[in-house]
Amino acid sequence: MTDWNEGARRLLPPMGALNSFAAAARLGSFSRAGEEVGLTQSAVSRQVALLEDWLQTPLFTRAGRRVSLNAEGRAYAEEVGPALDRIRRATARLSGGRPTNELSIATLPSFGMRWLAPRLPRLTARHPELVVNFAARSFPFAFADEPFDAAIHFGRADWPDAVHDFLFREAAIPVCSPDWLAANPIREPADFIGKSLLFQTSRRTAWDRWFRAAGVEAFAAGGPVFEHFLMLAQAAAAGAGAALIPSFLIEPELSAGSLVCPIEIPLSTDEAYYLVYPEAAAANAPLARFRAWIDEEAQGVPA
């Protein structure tokens, strides 16, 4: 047992050195790391040097006052950073560092701005005790590595190690600006062939699928790609081309007339929006209240 304990101790560097290294690795600066951890720049430098001596390998490349992670440092930071974050979250939970009525939700950016945000006053009215923090995330992540209680997911029920609460499916429609439509008359689906078409990053085959759904044997030529739907909507409203956008995300533009739908053939799929969360979080009382509220809100979305 003594030999095992001694070996285990040799594999655990001093926590202060690890904390200084993780901050410097994330911020790319010893001075900025010092501001975060409450040490001087020289003290952070000494802590990093202590860790490098402990590991018997350099972690940073130094050029005068400038430092940058080397390959070994980057690999070590990718392992150590998330581990320290998990220790902080576990400590906060046990020490009461986080209020018991607080939730952190990751949401798809456009969904958060256009669907969630306008409904939050109703959540506050129903549960004034809840404090819900939102942050944008476009792709799945491991809940063990991020400080979120739940997330909004679009696709299939395939988020790893998560429970999926179905919210609703979407219907994407072809839209463009009135001026673009005047210059590019669209009377039938085939009229989109050869026109300027806009794409969303995670839906690059959407136009091909829409053509098939409309009974047109065609493939869309490449065009500008936008990461978020609201960026896509802005580009379409500015006359850059036609775009396929879920109708529930562009209700203001459709009502104002800045976007029009020349052919009302929606693109529907088996993919859907879900609220996802770790199975262990199902017993979280604030999350249970949020789940019940968002489920009720989702029931009002047209099928």
C-alpha atoms as a PDB file:
ATOM      1  CA  MET A   1       0.000   0.000   0.000  1.00  0.00           C
ATOM      2  CA  THR A   2       2.865   2.357   0.835  1.00  0.00           C
ATOM      3  CA  ASP A   3       4.474   1.856  -2.586  1.00  0.00           C
ATOM      4  CA  TRP A   4       1.133   2.511  -4.330  1.00  0.00           C
ATOM      5  CA  ASN A   5       0.563   5.698  -2.301  1.00  0.00           C
ATOM      6  CA  GLU A   6       4.048   6.921  -3.091  1.00  0.00           C
ATOM      7  CA  GLY A   7       3.556   6.289  -6.817  1.00  0.00           C
ATOM      8  CA  ALA A   8       0.175   8.002  -6.805  1.00  0.00           C
ATOM      9  CA  ARG A   9       1.643  11.074  -5.116  1.00  0.00           C
ATOM     10  CA  ARG A  10       4.337  11.315  -7.768  1.00  0.00           C
ATOM     11  CA  LEU A  11       1.618  11.520 -10.451  1.00  0.00           C
ATOM     12  CA  LEU A  12      -0.189  14.444  -8.772  1.00  0.00           C
ATOM     13  CA  PRO A  13       1.692  17.734  -9.289  1.00  0.00           C
ATOM     14  CA  PRO A  14       1.095  20.623  -6.860  1.00  0.00           C
ATOM     15  CA  MET A  15      -2.377  22.081  -7.359  1.00  0.00           C
ATOM     16  CA  GLY A  16      -1.071  25.651  -7.453  1.00  0.00           C
ATOM     17  CA  ALA A  17       1.275  24.782 -10.301  1.00  0.00           C
ATOM     18  CA  LEU A  18      -1.489  23.030 -12.214  1.00  0.00           C
ATOM     19  CA  ASN A  19      -3.874  25.954 -11.726  1.00  0.00           C
ATOM     20  CA  SER A  20      -1.298  28.489 -12.914  1.00  0.00           C
ATOM     21  CA  PHE A  21      -0.422  26.350 -15.932  1.00  0.00           C
ATOM     22  CA  ALA A  22      -4.070  25.857 -16.919  1.00  0.00           C
ATOM     23  CA  ALA A  23      -4.764  29.601 -16.716  1.00  0.00           C
ATOM     24  CA  ALA A  24      -1.630  30.478 -18.715  1.00  0.00           C
ATOM     25  CA  ALA A  25      -2.448  27.826 -21.312  1.00  0.00           C
ATOM     26  CA  ARG A  26      -6.004  29.109 -21.739  1.00  0.00           C
ATOM     27  CA  LEU A  27      -5.118  32.829 -21.755  1.00  0.00           C
ATOM     28  CA  GLY A  28      -1.806  32.592 -23.615  1.00  0.00           C
ATOM     29  CA  SER A  29      -0.100  34.933 -21.160  1.00  0.00           C
ATOM     30  CA  PHE A  30       1.609  34.635 -17.777  1.00  0.00           C
ATOM     31  CA  SER A  31       0.571  38.171 -16.802  1.00  0.00           C
ATOM     32  CA  ARG A  32      -3.111  37.586 -17.658  1.00  0.00           C
ATOM     33  CA  ALA A  33      -2.961  34.233 -15.877  1.00  0.00           C
ATOM     34  CA  GLY A  34      -1.604  36.035 -12.821  1.00  0.00           C
ATOM     35  CA  GLU A  35      -4.580  38.405 -12.841  1.00  0.00           C
ATOM     36  CA  GLU A  36      -6.927  35.414 -12.895  1.00  0.00           C
ATOM     37  CA  VAL A  37      -5.276  33.309 -10.180  1.00  0.00           C
ATOM     38  CA  GLY A  38      -4.206  36.225  -7.966  1.00  0.00           C
ATOM     39  CA  LEU A  39      -0.423  35.988  -8.485  1.00  0.00           C
ATOM     40  CA  THR A  40       2.212  38.173 -10.078  1.00  0.00           C
ATOM     41  CA  GLN A  41       3.524  37.365 -13.535  1.00  0.00           C
ATOM     42  CA  SER A  42       6.831  36.180 -12.071  1.00  0.00           C
ATOM     43  CA  ALA A  43       5.005  33.957  -9.563  1.00  0.00           C
ATOM     44  CA  VAL A  44       3.036  32.321 -12.373  1.00  0.00           C
ATOM     45  CA  SER A  45       6.287  31.831 -14.277  1.00  0.00           C
ATOM     46  CA  ARG A  46       7.804  30.118 -11.221  1.00  0.00           C
ATOM     47  CA  GLN A  47       4.735  27.898 -10.804  1.00  0.00           C
ATOM     48  CA  VAL A  48       4.920  26.832 -14.453  1.00  0.00           C
ATOM     49  CA  ALA A  49       8.658  26.189 -14.122  1.00  0.00           C
ATOM     50  CA  LEU A  50       7.943  24.050 -11.041  1.00  0.00           C
ATOM     51  CA  LEU A  51       5.434  22.002 -13.047  1.00  0.00           C
ATOM     52  CA  GLU A  52       7.853  21.619 -15.960  1.00  0.00           C
ATOM     53  CA  ASP A  53      10.539  20.439 -13.528  1.00  0.00           C
ATOM     54  CA  TRP A  54       8.018  18.021 -11.958  1.00  0.00           C
ATOM     55  CA  LEU A  55       7.126  16.608 -15.379  1.00  0.00           C
ATOM     56  CA  GLN A  56      10.705  16.770 -16.642  1.00  0.00           C
ATOM     57  CA  THR A  57       9.528  18.356 -19.899  1.00  0.00           C
ATOM     58  CA  PRO A  58       9.014  21.940 -21.128  1.00  0.00           C
ATOM     59  CA  LEU A  59       5.406  22.982 -21.739  1.00  0.00           C
ATOM     60  CA  PHE A  60       5.920  26.449 -23.216  1.00  0.00           C
ATOM     61  CA  THR A  61       8.186  27.917 -25.867  1.00  0.00           C
ATOM     62  CA  ARG A  62       9.698  31.125 -24.541  1.00  0.00           C
ATOM     63  CA  ALA A  63      10.868  34.000 -26.755  1.00  0.00           C
ATOM     64  CA  GLY A  64      11.790  36.975 -24.584  1.00  0.00           C
ATOM     65  CA  ARG A  65       8.648  37.951 -22.659  1.00  0.00           C
ATOM     66  CA  ARG A  66       6.387  36.024 -25.040  1.00  0.00           C
ATOM     67  CA  VAL A  67       5.340  32.449 -24.327  1.00  0.00           C
ATOM     68  CA  SER A  68       3.341  29.898 -26.294  1.00  0.00           C
ATOM     69  CA  LEU A  69       2.383  26.305 -25.656  1.00  0.00           C
ATOM     70  CA  ASN A  70       4.502  23.689 -27.362  1.00  0.00           C
ATOM     71  CA  ALA A  71       3.044  20.387 -28.586  1.00  0.00           C
ATOM     72  CA  GLU A  72       3.481  18.691 -25.198  1.00  0.00           C
ATOM     73  CA  GLY A  73       1.928  21.683 -23.431  1.00  0.00           C
ATOM     74  CA  ARG A  74      -1.114  21.701 -25.705  1.00  0.00           C
ATOM     75  CA  ALA A  75      -1.697  17.983 -25.189  1.00  0.00           C
ATOM     76  CA  TYR A  76      -1.327  18.327 -21.403  1.00  0.00           C
ATOM     77  CA  ALA A  77      -3.632  21.365 -21.266  1.00  0.00           C
ATOM     78  CA  GLU A  78      -6.352  19.490 -23.181  1.00  0.00           C
ATOM     79  CA  GLU A  79      -6.307  16.811 -20.465  1.00  0.00           C
ATOM     80  CA  VAL A  80      -5.736  18.911 -17.362  1.00  0.00           C
ATOM     81  CA  GLY A  81      -8.048  21.858 -18.119  1.00  0.00           C
ATOM     82  CA  PRO A  82     -11.333  19.869 -18.215  1.00  0.00           C
ATOM     83  CA  ALA A  83     -10.249  17.860 -15.148  1.00  0.00           C
ATOM     84  CA  LEU A  84      -9.743  21.048 -13.127  1.00  0.00           C
ATOM     85  CA  ASP A  85     -13.105  22.369 -14.312  1.00  0.00           C
ATOM     86  CA  ARG A  86     -14.795  19.176 -13.107  1.00  0.00           C
ATOM     87  CA  ILE A  87     -13.111  19.539  -9.711  1.00  0.00           C
ATOM     88  CA  ARG A  88     -14.380  23.130  -9.454  1.00  0.00           C
ATOM     89  CA  ARG A  89     -17.936  22.158 -10.393  1.00  0.00           C
ATOM     90  CA  ALA A  90     -17.960  19.232  -7.961  1.00  0.00           C
ATOM     91  CA  THR A  91     -16.628  21.469  -5.179  1.00  0.00           C
ATOM     92  CA  ALA A  92     -19.209  24.171  -5.940  1.00  0.00           C
ATOM     93  CA  ARG A  93     -22.037  21.644  -5.783  1.00  0.00           C
ATOM     94  CA  LEU A  94     -20.912  20.210  -2.440  1.00  0.00           C
ATOM     95  CA  SER A  95     -19.983  23.520  -0.845  1.00  0.00           C
ATOM     96  CA  GLY A  96     -23.155  25.303  -1.868  1.00  0.00           C
ATOM     97  CA  GLY A  97     -21.213  27.528  -4.260  1.00  0.00           C
ATOM     98  CA  ARG A  98     -24.060  27.491  -6.773  1.00  0.00           C
ATOM     99  CA  PRO A  99     -27.621  28.467  -5.847  1.00  0.00           C
ATOM    100  CA  THR A 100     -29.990  25.510  -5.846  1.00  0.00           C
ATOM    101  CA  ASN A 101     -32.515  27.441  -7.972  1.00  0.00           C
ATOM    102  CA  GLU A 102     -30.049  28.135 -10.808  1.00  0.00           C
ATOM    103  CA  LEU A 103     -29.805  26.374 -14.176  1.00  0.00           C
ATOM    104  CA  SER A 104     -27.376  26.658 -17.070  1.00  0.00           C
ATOM    105  CA  ILE A 105     -28.777  25.780 -20.499  1.00  0.00           C
ATOM    106  CA  ALA A 106     -26.828  25.542 -23.769  1.00  0.00           C
ATOM    107  CA  THR A 107     -28.909  26.508 -26.776  1.00  0.00           C
ATOM    108  CA  LEU A 108     -28.543  26.664 -30.521  1.00  0.00           C
ATOM    109  CA  PRO A 109     -27.968  30.388 -31.236  1.00  0.00           C
ATOM    110  CA  SER A 110     -30.898  31.099 -33.574  1.00  0.00           C
ATOM    111  CA  PHE A 111     -33.262  28.930 -31.524  1.00  0.00           C
ATOM    112  CA  GLY A 112     -32.253  30.794 -28.382  1.00  0.00           C
ATOM    113  CA  MET A 113     -32.742  34.242 -29.901  1.00  0.00           C
ATOM    114  CA  ARG A 114     -35.954  33.635 -31.815  1.00  0.00           C
ATOM    115  CA  TRP A 115     -37.791  30.922 -29.900  1.00  0.00           C
ATOM    116  CA  LEU A 116     -36.552  30.814 -26.323  1.00  0.00           C
ATOM    117  CA  ALA A 117     -35.883  34.487 -25.544  1.00  0.00           C
ATOM    118  CA  PRO A 118     -39.383  35.804 -26.391  1.00  0.00           C
ATOM    119  CA  ARG A 119     -40.948  33.154 -24.142  1.00  0.00           C
ATOM    120  CA  LEU A 120     -38.791  33.731 -21.068  1.00  0.00           C
ATOM    121  CA  PRO A 121     -41.177  36.251 -19.465  1.00  0.00           C
ATOM    122  CA  ARG A 122     -43.731  33.423 -19.208  1.00  0.00           C
ATOM    123  CA  LEU A 123     -41.137  31.225 -17.511  1.00  0.00           C
ATOM    124  CA  THR A 124     -40.356  34.002 -15.035  1.00  0.00           C
ATOM    125  CA  ALA A 125     -44.048  34.570 -14.363  1.00  0.00           C
ATOM    126  CA  ARG A 126     -44.581  30.880 -13.615  1.00  0.00           C
ATOM    127  CA  HIS A 127     -41.339  30.251 -11.718  1.00  0.00           C
ATOM    128  CA  PRO A 128     -39.992  33.564 -10.372  1.00  0.00           C
ATOM    129  CA  GLU A 129     -37.620  31.602  -8.139  1.00  0.00           C
ATOM    130  CA  LEU A 130     -35.730  30.103 -11.103  1.00  0.00           C
ATOM    131  CA  VAL A 131     -32.546  31.705 -12.406  1.00  0.00           C
ATOM    132  CA  VAL A 132     -31.806  30.302 -15.872  1.00  0.00           C
ATOM    133  CA  ASN A 133     -28.558  31.179 -17.622  1.00  0.00           C
ATOM    134  CA  PHE A 134     -28.230  30.577 -21.371  1.00  0.00           C
ATOM    135  CA  ALA A 135     -25.145  30.218 -23.559  1.00  0.00           C
ATOM    136  CA  ALA A 136     -24.828  29.510 -27.265  1.00  0.00           C
ATOM    137  CA  ARG A 137     -23.492  26.158 -28.424  1.00  0.00           C
ATOM    138  CA  SER A 138     -23.847  24.911 -31.995  1.00  0.00           C
ATOM    139  CA  PHE A 139     -22.633  21.337 -31.607  1.00  0.00           C
ATOM    140  CA  PRO A 140     -22.972  18.484 -29.069  1.00  0.00           C
ATOM    141  CA  PHE A 141     -20.512  18.278 -26.201  1.00  0.00           C
ATOM    142  CA  ALA A 142     -19.868  16.016 -23.214  1.00  0.00           C
ATOM    143  CA  PHE A 143     -21.881  17.197 -20.211  1.00  0.00           C
ATOM    144  CA  ALA A 144     -19.059  15.998 -17.972  1.00  0.00           C
ATOM    145  CA  ASP A 145     -16.771  18.563 -19.577  1.00  0.00           C
ATOM    146  CA  GLU A 146     -19.127  21.568 -19.635  1.00  0.00           C
ATOM    147  CA  PRO A 147     -20.993  23.471 -16.870  1.00  0.00           C
ATOM    148  CA  PHE A 148     -24.470  22.908 -18.349  1.00  0.00           C
ATOM    149  CA  ASP A 149     -27.511  21.194 -16.854  1.00  0.00           C
ATOM    150  CA  ALA A 150     -29.193  20.701 -20.242  1.00  0.00           C
ATOM    151  CA  ALA A 151     -28.981  21.711 -23.898  1.00  0.00           C
ATOM    152  CA  ILE A 152     -31.156  22.315 -26.940  1.00  0.00           C
ATOM    153  CA  HIS A 153     -30.339  19.786 -29.660  1.00  0.00           C
ATOM    154  CA  PHE A 154     -31.526  19.545 -33.255  1.00  0.00           C
ATOM    155  CA  GLY A 155     -31.242  16.299 -35.166  1.00  0.00           C
ATOM    156  CA  ARG A 156     -31.967  12.752 -34.155  1.00  0.00           C
ATOM    157  CA  ALA A 157     -32.096  11.426 -30.609  1.00  0.00           C
ATOM    158  CA  ASP A 158     -28.374  10.706 -30.754  1.00  0.00           C
ATOM    159  CA  TRP A 159     -26.707  12.998 -28.189  1.00  0.00           C
ATOM    160  CA  PRO A 160     -24.253  10.693 -26.351  1.00  0.00           C
ATOM    161  CA  ASP A 161     -25.114   9.728 -22.784  1.00  0.00           C
ATOM    162  CA  ALA A 162     -28.169  11.977 -22.592  1.00  0.00           C
ATOM    163  CA  VAL A 163     -31.926  11.791 -22.095  1.00  0.00           C
ATOM    164  CA  HIS A 164     -33.926  13.357 -24.948  1.00  0.00           C
ATOM    165  CA  ASP A 165     -37.180  15.255 -24.336  1.00  0.00           C
ATOM    166  CA  PHE A 166     -38.861  15.747 -27.730  1.00  0.00           C
ATOM    167  CA  LEU A 167     -39.928  19.350 -28.369  1.00  0.00           C
ATOM    168  CA  PHE A 168     -41.077  19.707 -31.991  1.00  0.00           C
ATOM    169  CA  ARG A 169     -40.132  19.243 -35.627  1.00  0.00           C
ATOM    170  CA  GLU A 170     -39.538  22.094 -38.028  1.00  0.00           C
ATOM    171  CA  ALA A 171     -40.621  22.952 -41.560  1.00  0.00           C
ATOM    172  CA  ALA A 172     -38.088  24.863 -43.656  1.00  0.00           C
ATOM    173  CA  ILE A 173     -39.458  27.026 -46.457  1.00  0.00           C
ATOM    174  CA  PRO A 174     -37.748  28.769 -49.403  1.00  0.00           C
ATOM    175  CA  VAL A 175     -37.548  32.532 -48.821  1.00  0.00           C
ATOM    176  CA  CYS A 176     -36.000  35.551 -50.485  1.00  0.00           C
ATOM    177  CA  SER A 177     -36.344  39.320 -50.546  1.00  0.00           C
ATOM    178  CA  PRO A 178     -39.124  40.924 -52.618  1.00  0.00           C
ATOM    179  CA  ASP A 179     -36.535  42.689 -54.797  1.00  0.00           C
ATOM    180  CA  TRP A 180     -34.652  39.437 -55.447  1.00  0.00           C
ATOM    181  CA  LEU A 181     -37.921  37.754 -56.394  1.00  0.00           C
ATOM    182  CA  ALA A 182     -38.783  40.571 -58.800  1.00  0.00           C
ATOM    183  CA  ALA A 183     -35.437  40.102 -60.519  1.00  0.00           C
ATOM    184  CA  ASN A 184     -35.649  36.293 -60.380  1.00  0.00           C
ATOM    185  CA  PRO A 185     -39.271  35.252 -61.002  1.00  0.00           C
ATOM    186  CA  ILE A 186     -40.075  31.946 -59.292  1.00  0.00           C
ATOM    187  CA  ARG A 187     -43.297  30.283 -60.442  1.00  0.00           C
ATOM    188  CA  GLU A 188     -42.421  26.607 -59.961  1.00  0.00           C
ATOM    189  CA  PRO A 189     -39.733  24.703 -58.021  1.00  0.00           C
ATOM    190  CA  ALA A 190     -37.509  24.195 -61.082  1.00  0.00           C
ATOM    191  CA  ASP A 191     -37.150  27.981 -61.399  1.00  0.00           C
ATOM    192  CA  PHE A 192     -34.704  27.911 -58.467  1.00  0.00           C
ATOM    193  CA  ILE A 193     -32.225  25.916 -60.586  1.00  0.00           C
ATOM    194  CA  GLY A 194     -29.273  28.078 -61.528  1.00  0.00           C
ATOM    195  CA  LYS A 195     -30.268  30.874 -59.154  1.00  0.00           C
ATOM    196  CA  SER A 196     -28.175  32.168 -56.268  1.00  0.00           C
ATOM    197  CA  LEU A 197     -28.894  29.820 -53.369  1.00  0.00           C
ATOM    198  CA  LEU A 198     -27.721  30.302 -49.786  1.00  0.00           C
ATOM    199  CA  PHE A 199     -26.815  27.507 -47.367  1.00  0.00           C
ATOM    200  CA  GLN A 200     -26.585  26.919 -43.625  1.00  0.00           C
ATOM    201  CA  THR A 201     -23.463  25.213 -42.275  1.00  0.00           C
ATOM    202  CA  SER A 202     -25.110  22.088 -40.854  1.00  0.00           C
ATOM    203  CA  ARG A 203     -27.752  21.810 -43.631  1.00  0.00           C
ATOM    204  CA  ARG A 204     -25.663  21.868 -46.799  1.00  0.00           C
ATOM    205  CA  THR A 205     -27.842  19.253 -48.508  1.00  0.00           C
ATOM    206  CA  ALA A 206     -31.120  21.027 -47.673  1.00  0.00           C
ATOM    207  CA  TRP A 207     -31.671  22.421 -51.165  1.00  0.00           C
ATOM    208  CA  ASP A 208     -31.029  19.012 -52.751  1.00  0.00           C
ATOM    209  CA  ARG A 209     -33.578  17.470 -50.387  1.00  0.00           C
ATOM    210  CA  TRP A 210     -36.059  20.274 -51.097  1.00  0.00           C
ATOM    211  CA  PHE A 211     -35.757  19.733 -54.859  1.00  0.00           C
ATOM    212  CA  ARG A 212     -36.491  16.021 -54.363  1.00  0.00           C
ATOM    213  CA  ALA A 213     -39.479  16.802 -52.128  1.00  0.00           C
ATOM    214  CA  ALA A 214     -40.765  19.201 -54.818  1.00  0.00           C
ATOM    215  CA  GLY A 215     -40.422  16.534 -57.522  1.00  0.00           C
ATOM    216  CA  VAL A 216     -37.467  18.154 -59.288  1.00  0.00           C
ATOM    217  CA  GLU A 217     -34.502  16.078 -60.430  1.00  0.00           C
ATOM    218  CA  ALA A 218     -31.735  18.555 -59.709  1.00  0.00           C
ATOM    219  CA  PHE A 219     -28.816  19.244 -57.442  1.00  0.00           C
ATOM    220  CA  ALA A 220     -28.083  22.678 -56.033  1.00  0.00           C
ATOM    221  CA  ALA A 221     -24.856  24.327 -57.082  1.00  0.00           C
ATOM    222  CA  GLY A 222     -22.664  25.597 -54.281  1.00  0.00           C
ATOM    223  CA  GLY A 223     -23.239  29.018 -52.785  1.00  0.00           C
ATOM    224  CA  PRO A 224     -22.482  31.170 -49.721  1.00  0.00           C
ATOM    225  CA  VAL A 225     -22.647  29.281 -46.402  1.00  0.00           C
ATOM    226  CA  PHE A 226     -23.690  30.827 -43.065  1.00  0.00           C
ATOM    227  CA  GLU A 227     -23.215  29.285 -39.624  1.00  0.00           C
ATOM    228  CA  HIS A 228     -26.399  30.652 -38.029  1.00  0.00           C
ATOM    229  CA  PHE A 229     -29.912  30.858 -39.438  1.00  0.00           C
ATOM    230  CA  LEU A 230     -30.334  34.498 -38.487  1.00  0.00           C
ATOM    231  CA  MET A 231     -27.214  35.375 -40.485  1.00  0.00           C
ATOM    232  CA  LEU A 232     -28.723  33.406 -43.357  1.00  0.00           C
ATOM    233  CA  ALA A 233     -32.006  35.292 -42.999  1.00  0.00           C
ATOM    234  CA  GLN A 234     -30.210  38.654 -43.007  1.00  0.00           C
ATOM    235  CA  ALA A 235     -28.347  37.732 -46.182  1.00  0.00           C
ATOM    236  CA  ALA A 236     -31.556  36.598 -47.900  1.00  0.00           C
ATOM    237  CA  ALA A 237     -33.397  39.764 -46.813  1.00  0.00           C
ATOM    238  CA  ALA A 238     -30.534  41.844 -48.214  1.00  0.00           C
ATOM    239  CA  GLY A 239     -31.013  40.221 -51.632  1.00  0.00           C
ATOM    240  CA  ALA A 240     -28.030  37.855 -51.644  1.00  0.00           C
ATOM    241  CA  GLY A 241     -30.169  34.923 -52.811  1.00  0.00           C
ATOM    242  CA  ALA A 242     -32.822  32.426 -51.744  1.00  0.00           C
ATOM    243  CA  ALA A 243     -32.538  30.396 -48.545  1.00  0.00           C
ATOM    244  CA  LEU A 244     -34.267  27.488 -46.849  1.00  0.00           C
ATOM    245  CA  ILE A 245     -35.075  28.546 -43.284  1.00  0.00           C
ATOM    246  CA  PRO A 246     -37.364  27.041 -40.630  1.00  0.00           C
ATOM    247  CA  SER A 247     -40.489  29.185 -40.703  1.00  0.00           C
ATOM    248  CA  PHE A 248     -40.737  29.550 -36.917  1.00  0.00           C
ATOM    249  CA  LEU A 249     -37.348  31.325 -36.879  1.00  0.00           C
ATOM    250  CA  ILE A 250     -38.318  34.047 -39.375  1.00  0.00           C
ATOM    251  CA  GLU A 251     -41.860  34.983 -38.353  1.00  0.00           C
ATOM    252  CA  PRO A 252     -40.879  38.674 -37.841  1.00  0.00           C
ATOM    253  CA  GLU A 253     -39.328  38.921 -41.328  1.00  0.00           C
ATOM    254  CA  LEU A 254     -42.304  37.195 -42.941  1.00  0.00           C
ATOM    255  CA  SER A 255     -44.747  39.471 -41.128  1.00  0.00           C
ATOM    256  CA  ALA A 256     -42.768  42.597 -42.063  1.00  0.00           C
ATOM    257  CA  GLY A 257     -42.414  41.496 -45.681  1.00  0.00           C
ATOM    258  CA  SER A 258     -38.612  41.668 -45.733  1.00  0.00           C
ATOM    259  CA  LEU A 259     -38.708  37.968 -46.600  1.00  0.00           C
ATOM    260  CA  VAL A 260     -41.298  36.297 -48.835  1.00  0.00           C
ATOM    261  CA  CYS A 261     -41.984  32.673 -49.674  1.00  0.00           C
ATOM    262  CA  PRO A 262     -42.452  32.321 -53.459  1.00  0.00           C
ATOM    263  CA  ILE A 263     -43.455  28.631 -53.310  1.00  0.00           C
ATOM    264  CA  GLU A 264     -44.966  27.199 -50.159  1.00  0.00           C
ATOM    265  CA  ILE A 265     -43.480  23.723 -50.289  1.00  0.00           C
ATOM    266  CA  PRO A 266     -41.975  23.013 -46.849  1.00  0.00           C
ATOM    267  CA  LEU A 267     -39.050  20.696 -46.247  1.00  0.00           C
ATOM    268  CA  SER A 268     -39.832  18.392 -43.330  1.00  0.00           C
ATOM    269  CA  THR A 269     -37.624  15.616 -41.977  1.00  0.00           C
ATOM    270  CA  ASP A 270     -37.519  13.112 -39.138  1.00  0.00           C
ATOM    271  CA  GLU A 271     -35.090  15.381 -37.295  1.00  0.00           C
ATOM    272  CA  ALA A 272     -36.420  17.414 -34.394  1.00  0.00           C
ATOM    273  CA  TYR A 273     -35.582  19.763 -31.544  1.00  0.00           C
ATOM    274  CA  TYR A 274     -34.907  18.122 -28.184  1.00  0.00           C
ATOM    275  CA  LEU A 275     -34.079  19.214 -24.679  1.00  0.00           C
ATOM    276  CA  VAL A 276     -31.210  16.924 -23.680  1.00  0.00           C
ATOM    277  CA  TYR A 277     -29.632  16.372 -20.275  1.00  0.00           C
ATOM    278  CA  PRO A 278     -27.650  13.737 -18.353  1.00  0.00           C
ATOM    279  CA  GLU A 279     -29.743  10.946 -16.888  1.00  0.00           C
ATOM    280  CA  ALA A 280     -28.516  11.850 -13.396  1.00  0.00           C
ATOM    281  CA  ALA A 281     -30.004  15.352 -13.829  1.00  0.00           C
ATOM    282  CA  ALA A 282     -33.562  14.008 -14.154  1.00  0.00           C
ATOM    283  CA  ALA A 283     -33.940  14.333 -10.383  1.00  0.00           C
ATOM    284  CA  ASN A 284     -32.870  17.996 -10.436  1.00  0.00           C
ATOM    285  CA  ALA A 285     -35.973  19.884  -9.200  1.00  0.00           C
ATOM    286  CA  PRO A 286     -35.265  23.216 -11.008  1.00  0.00           C
ATOM    287  CA  LEU A 287     -34.596  21.309 -14.228  1.00  0.00           C
ATOM    288  CA  ALA A 288     -37.841  19.393 -13.785  1.00  0.00           C
ATOM    289  CA  ARG A 289     -39.740  22.696 -13.610  1.00  0.00           C
ATOM    290  CA  PHE A 290     -37.926  24.012 -16.677  1.00  0.00           C
ATOM    291  CA  ARG A 291     -38.651  20.761 -18.546  1.00  0.00           C
ATOM    292  CA  ALA A 292     -42.359  20.990 -17.813  1.00  0.00           C
ATOM    293  CA  TRP A 293     -42.465  24.626 -18.921  1.00  0.00           C
ATOM    294  CA  ILE A 294     -40.600  24.153 -22.208  1.00  0.00           C
ATOM    295  CA  ASP A 295     -42.656  21.066 -23.038  1.00  0.00           C
ATOM    296  CA  GLU A 296     -45.829  23.103 -22.660  1.00  0.00           C
ATOM    297  CA  GLU A 297     -44.413  25.898 -24.819  1.00  0.00           C
ATOM    298  CA  ALA A 298     -43.413  23.398 -27.500  1.00  0.00           C
ATOM    299  CA  GLN A 299     -46.966  22.080 -27.717  1.00  0.00           C
ATOM    300  CA  GLY A 300     -47.976  25.399 -29.254  1.00  0.00           C
ATOM    301  CA  VAL A 301     -45.645  25.038 -32.256  1.00  0.00           C
ATOM    302  CA  PRO A 302     -47.611  24.073 -35.404  1.00  0.00           C
ATOM    303  CA  ALA A 303     -46.846  20.537 -36.594  1.00  0.00           C
END
